[in-house]
N, C-alpha and C. Protein backbone atom coordinates (compact mmCIF):
# COMPACT_ATOMS: atom_id res chain seq x y z
N MET A 1 112.97 97.23 87.14
CA MET A 1 112.21 98.17 87.85
C MET A 1 112.23 97.79 89.43
N THR A 2 112.41 98.80 90.16
CA THR A 2 112.53 98.53 91.64
C THR A 2 111.14 98.30 92.22
N VAL A 3 111.03 97.69 93.28
CA VAL A 3 109.85 97.32 93.89
C VAL A 3 109.02 98.56 94.17
N GLN A 4 109.68 99.67 94.64
CA GLN A 4 108.84 100.89 94.96
C GLN A 4 108.27 101.45 93.63
N ALA A 5 109.09 101.38 92.53
CA ALA A 5 108.58 101.93 91.23
C ALA A 5 107.41 101.05 90.75
N HIS A 6 107.44 99.78 90.93
CA HIS A 6 106.38 98.94 90.60
C HIS A 6 105.14 99.20 91.41
N LEU A 7 105.34 99.42 92.66
CA LEU A 7 104.17 99.72 93.59
C LEU A 7 103.53 101.03 93.07
N GLU A 8 104.34 102.03 92.68
CA GLU A 8 103.83 103.36 92.29
C GLU A 8 103.02 103.05 90.98
N SER A 9 103.51 102.24 90.10
CA SER A 9 102.81 102.00 88.87
C SER A 9 101.58 101.32 89.13
N LEU A 10 101.54 100.29 89.96
CA LEU A 10 100.28 99.61 90.32
C LEU A 10 99.30 100.61 90.95
N GLN A 11 99.73 101.55 91.81
CA GLN A 11 98.85 102.37 92.53
C GLN A 11 98.15 103.42 91.51
N LYS A 12 98.97 103.78 90.57
CA LYS A 12 98.39 104.67 89.43
C LYS A 12 97.27 103.84 88.61
N LYS A 13 97.75 102.55 88.32
CA LYS A 13 96.65 101.74 87.56
C LYS A 13 95.40 101.58 88.46
N HIS A 14 95.53 101.37 89.78
CA HIS A 14 94.35 101.22 90.57
C HIS A 14 93.57 102.47 90.67
N GLY A 15 94.22 103.56 90.79
CA GLY A 15 93.54 104.90 90.66
C GLY A 15 92.75 105.15 89.40
N ALA A 16 93.45 104.70 88.25
CA ALA A 16 92.75 104.92 86.97
C ALA A 16 91.64 103.88 86.85
N LEU A 17 91.65 102.71 87.44
CA LEU A 17 90.52 101.75 87.41
C LEU A 17 89.43 102.25 88.30
N GLU A 18 89.77 103.03 89.45
CA GLU A 18 88.70 103.61 90.28
C GLU A 18 87.95 104.63 89.41
N ASP A 19 88.72 105.50 88.73
CA ASP A 19 88.04 106.44 87.84
C ASP A 19 87.16 105.80 86.81
N GLU A 20 87.64 104.79 86.12
CA GLU A 20 86.90 104.05 85.15
C GLU A 20 85.68 103.46 85.71
N LEU A 21 85.82 102.98 86.89
CA LEU A 21 84.63 102.24 87.61
C LEU A 21 83.63 103.32 87.97
N HIS A 22 84.02 104.41 88.42
CA HIS A 22 83.07 105.50 88.67
C HIS A 22 82.22 105.89 87.52
N LEU A 23 82.94 106.08 86.33
CA LEU A 23 82.31 106.40 85.11
C LEU A 23 81.24 105.38 84.74
N LEU A 24 81.71 104.13 84.82
CA LEU A 24 80.85 102.98 84.48
C LEU A 24 79.63 103.08 85.42
N MET A 25 79.70 103.27 86.66
CA MET A 25 78.56 103.23 87.57
C MET A 25 77.62 104.29 87.30
N VAL A 26 78.06 105.44 86.85
CA VAL A 26 77.19 106.56 86.65
C VAL A 26 76.57 106.61 85.25
N SER A 27 77.10 105.87 84.37
CA SER A 27 76.67 105.76 82.97
C SER A 27 75.24 105.34 82.88
N PRO A 28 74.33 105.96 82.23
CA PRO A 28 72.90 105.50 82.06
C PRO A 28 72.81 104.19 81.41
N SER A 29 73.81 103.88 80.49
CA SER A 29 73.70 102.62 79.80
C SER A 29 74.79 101.57 80.27
N ARG A 30 74.95 101.57 81.54
CA ARG A 30 75.92 100.73 82.12
C ARG A 30 75.84 99.28 81.78
N ASP A 31 76.83 98.71 81.61
CA ASP A 31 76.92 97.20 81.35
C ASP A 31 77.38 96.58 82.60
N ASP A 32 76.61 95.67 83.28
CA ASP A 32 77.02 95.00 84.53
C ASP A 32 78.23 94.14 84.40
N ARG A 33 78.29 93.50 83.31
CA ARG A 33 79.52 92.66 83.08
C ARG A 33 80.70 93.41 83.06
N GLU A 34 80.69 94.56 82.36
CA GLU A 34 81.78 95.48 82.22
C GLU A 34 82.21 96.04 83.67
N VAL A 35 81.19 96.39 84.45
CA VAL A 35 81.49 96.87 85.81
C VAL A 35 82.16 95.72 86.70
N ALA A 36 81.50 94.47 86.47
CA ALA A 36 82.19 93.35 87.27
C ALA A 36 83.62 93.19 86.86
N GLU A 37 83.90 93.14 85.52
CA GLU A 37 85.30 92.89 85.07
C GLU A 37 86.25 94.08 85.61
N CYS A 38 85.76 95.34 85.56
CA CYS A 38 86.52 96.45 86.11
C CYS A 38 86.88 96.23 87.52
N LYS A 39 85.85 95.77 88.32
CA LYS A 39 86.06 95.47 89.75
C LYS A 39 86.92 94.46 89.98
N ARG A 40 86.94 93.34 89.14
CA ARG A 40 87.93 92.23 89.21
C ARG A 40 89.36 92.76 88.94
N ARG A 41 89.45 93.47 87.88
CA ARG A 41 90.89 94.04 87.65
C ARG A 41 91.50 94.88 88.78
N LYS A 42 90.52 95.79 89.30
CA LYS A 42 90.95 96.65 90.40
C LYS A 42 91.41 95.71 91.61
N LEU A 43 90.58 94.68 91.93
CA LEU A 43 90.91 93.91 93.05
C LEU A 43 92.30 93.06 92.84
N ARG A 44 92.42 92.57 91.65
CA ARG A 44 93.66 91.92 91.35
C ARG A 44 94.91 92.87 91.54
N ILE A 45 94.86 94.14 91.15
CA ILE A 45 95.78 95.03 91.34
C ILE A 45 96.02 95.32 92.83
N LYS A 46 94.93 95.60 93.53
CA LYS A 46 95.05 95.81 94.92
C LYS A 46 95.66 94.56 95.73
N ASP A 47 95.42 93.35 95.33
CA ASP A 47 95.94 92.14 95.97
C ASP A 47 97.47 92.22 95.56
N GLU A 48 97.93 92.57 94.44
CA GLU A 48 99.31 92.61 94.03
C GLU A 48 100.01 93.73 94.85
N ILE A 49 99.42 94.83 95.03
CA ILE A 49 99.87 95.94 95.82
C ILE A 49 100.23 95.49 97.23
N GLU A 50 99.25 94.84 97.79
CA GLU A 50 99.38 94.31 99.21
C GLU A 50 100.44 93.24 99.31
N ARG A 51 100.57 92.40 98.29
CA ARG A 51 101.48 91.33 98.37
C ARG A 51 103.00 92.03 98.35
N LEU A 52 103.07 92.96 97.46
CA LEU A 52 104.43 93.63 97.33
C LEU A 52 104.76 94.45 98.58
N LYS A 53 103.76 95.04 99.20
CA LYS A 53 104.05 95.86 100.41
C LYS A 53 104.43 94.89 101.60
N SER A 54 103.79 93.65 101.55
CA SER A 54 104.18 92.71 102.71
C SER A 54 105.59 92.12 102.44
N SER A 55 105.87 92.03 101.26
CA SER A 55 107.27 91.39 100.90
C SER A 55 108.40 92.39 101.27
N VAL A 56 108.09 93.69 101.16
CA VAL A 56 109.11 94.75 101.44
C VAL A 56 109.33 94.82 102.92
N HIS A 57 108.30 94.73 103.70
CA HIS A 57 108.37 94.93 105.22
C HIS A 57 108.70 93.67 105.89
C-alpha cells in the first residue's frame, strides 16, 4: 500500500469515527466511556495522519 493510499484509508476511518462520535453524542442513552474511547481512537488516527503527512513532505 502506498503512503497516499494509506493516508486516504486513515482519512476515511477518521471521517467514520467523526460520524460515530456525533451519533454517540446525540444519543439520549449515551455512555461517556464509549464517547471517550471513540475520541481516543479518532485522535490516534489523526496523529497517524499527521505523522504520515510530515514524513512525505
